[in-house]
C-alpha cells in the first residue's frame, strides 16, 4: 500500500542512518521499526496474577475488626499518659511548693 507519511527531520535522519548501517532500503527499515513498536503493545504481558491466601487471625468473638485503628489509638494514648505520669512523679524533679496565704 502506498501512503504519504510525514516524519520529523530527526527521526528521518535516524531511520536513514539505520538503513545505511543495515544495508536495507529506507522503506524496509521504517516498516520493521513500526512492526517492532506495535509488537510491544499487541502482545499481552505475561505477569503472574497475585493470589490472595486467606488466613484466620484467631480474633475472639466480639472484637470489631473495623475498629482496630481506634483500639490502636486508645492504646497509644494510654501509653503516652503512663509516660507522662512517670515523668511527673519523678523524685529527681524539683517539686513546686505551694504558698499558704
Protein backbone atom coordinates (compact mmCIF):
# COMPACT_ATOMS: atom_id res chain seq x y z
CA UNK A 1 0.00 0.00 0.00
CA UNK A 2 1.35 3.38 -0.91
CA UNK A 3 0.92 6.08 1.75
CA UNK A 4 2.42 9.51 2.27
CA UNK A 5 3.96 9.79 5.71
CA UNK A 6 5.46 12.96 7.20
CA UNK A 7 8.33 12.26 9.59
CA UNK A 8 10.17 14.66 11.87
CA UNK A 9 13.60 15.55 10.50
CA UNK A 10 15.49 13.98 13.40
CA UNK A 11 13.53 10.73 13.11
CA UNK A 12 14.01 10.55 9.35
CA UNK A 13 17.75 11.03 9.88
CA UNK A 14 17.93 8.20 12.40
CA UNK A 15 15.98 5.87 10.10
CA UNK A 16 18.15 6.76 7.09
CA UNK A 17 21.33 6.13 9.11
CA UNK A 18 19.96 2.81 10.30
CA UNK A 19 19.08 1.80 6.73
CA UNK A 20 22.67 2.53 5.60
CA UNK A 21 24.12 0.57 8.55
CA UNK A 22 21.97 -2.48 7.81
CA UNK A 23 22.23 -2.21 4.02
CA UNK A 24 18.46 -2.12 3.72
CA UNK A 25 16.06 0.24 1.99
CA UNK A 26 14.56 3.16 3.91
CA UNK A 27 11.08 1.68 3.35
CA UNK A 28 12.09 -1.67 4.86
CA UNK A 29 13.64 -0.05 7.95
CA UNK A 30 10.52 2.07 8.50
CA UNK A 31 8.26 -1.00 8.20
CA UNK A 32 10.41 -3.08 10.58
CA UNK A 33 10.58 -0.25 13.10
CA UNK A 34 6.81 0.21 13.08
CA UNK A 35 6.26 -3.56 13.43
CA UNK A 36 8.68 -3.74 16.36
CA UNK A 37 6.93 -0.84 18.07
CA UNK A 38 3.50 -2.33 17.57
CA UNK A 39 4.61 -5.79 18.72
CA UNK A 40 5.28 -4.42 22.21
CA UNK A 41 1.72 -3.14 22.52
CA UNK A 42 -0.02 -6.06 20.82
CA UNK A 43 1.49 -8.92 22.80
CA UNK A 44 -0.06 -9.27 26.23
CA UNK A 45 2.36 -9.11 29.12
CA UNK A 46 2.62 -12.41 30.94
CA UNK A 47 2.63 -11.21 34.52
CA UNK A 48 1.68 -13.50 37.33
CA UNK A 49 -1.66 -12.69 38.88
CA UNK A 50 -1.26 -12.14 42.63
CA UNK A 51 -3.05 -14.70 44.75
CA UNK A 52 -4.87 -13.90 47.93
CA UNK A 53 -4.36 -16.50 50.60
CA UNK A 54 -6.98 -16.32 53.34
CA UNK A 55 -5.79 -16.65 56.92
CA UNK A 56 -7.63 -16.84 60.20
CA UNK A 57 -6.08 -14.46 62.72
CA UNK A 58 -7.98 -16.02 65.59
CA UNK A 59 -9.80 -12.94 66.87
CA UNK A 60 -12.22 -13.65 69.66
CA UNK A 61 -15.93 -13.14 69.11
CA UNK A 62 -16.94 -9.61 69.98
CA UNK A 63 -13.79 -7.97 68.59
CA UNK A 64 -14.88 -5.48 65.96
CA UNK A 65 -12.23 -5.68 63.23
CA UNK A 66 -13.48 -2.42 61.73
CA UNK A 67 -12.39 -0.55 64.86
CA UNK A 68 -8.80 -1.80 65.16
CA UNK A 69 -7.41 1.66 64.34
CA UNK A 70 -9.48 3.13 67.14
CA UNK A 71 -8.14 0.47 69.51
CA UNK A 72 -4.56 1.27 68.45
CA UNK A 73 -5.18 5.00 69.06
CA UNK A 74 -6.56 4.31 72.53
CA UNK A 75 -3.60 2.09 73.41
CA UNK A 76 -1.16 4.75 72.20
CA UNK A 77 -2.95 7.42 74.24
CA UNK A 78 -2.77 5.21 77.35
CA UNK A 79 0.97 4.71 76.80
CA UNK A 80 1.53 8.46 76.47
CA UNK A 81 -0.41 9.12 79.68
CA UNK A 82 1.59 6.43 81.50
CA UNK A 83 4.87 8.04 80.41
CA UNK A 84 3.60 11.47 81.39
CA UNK A 85 2.61 10.20 84.84
CA UNK A 86 6.02 8.64 85.48
CA UNK A 87 7.76 11.86 84.49
CA UNK A 88 5.61 14.00 86.77
CA UNK A 89 6.25 11.64 89.71
CA UNK A 90 10.00 11.58 89.13
CA UNK A 91 11.63 12.28 92.53
CA UNK A 92 14.66 13.89 90.91
CA UNK A 93 12.45 16.67 89.62
CA UNK A 94 12.03 19.62 91.92
CA UNK A 95 8.59 19.90 93.40
CA UNK A 96 6.90 23.26 93.47
CA UNK A 97 5.89 24.38 96.92
CA UNK A 98 2.50 25.85 97.48
CA UNK A 99 2.34 29.09 99.35
CA UNK A 100 -0.23 29.46 102.05
CA UNK A 101 -1.94 32.78 102.08
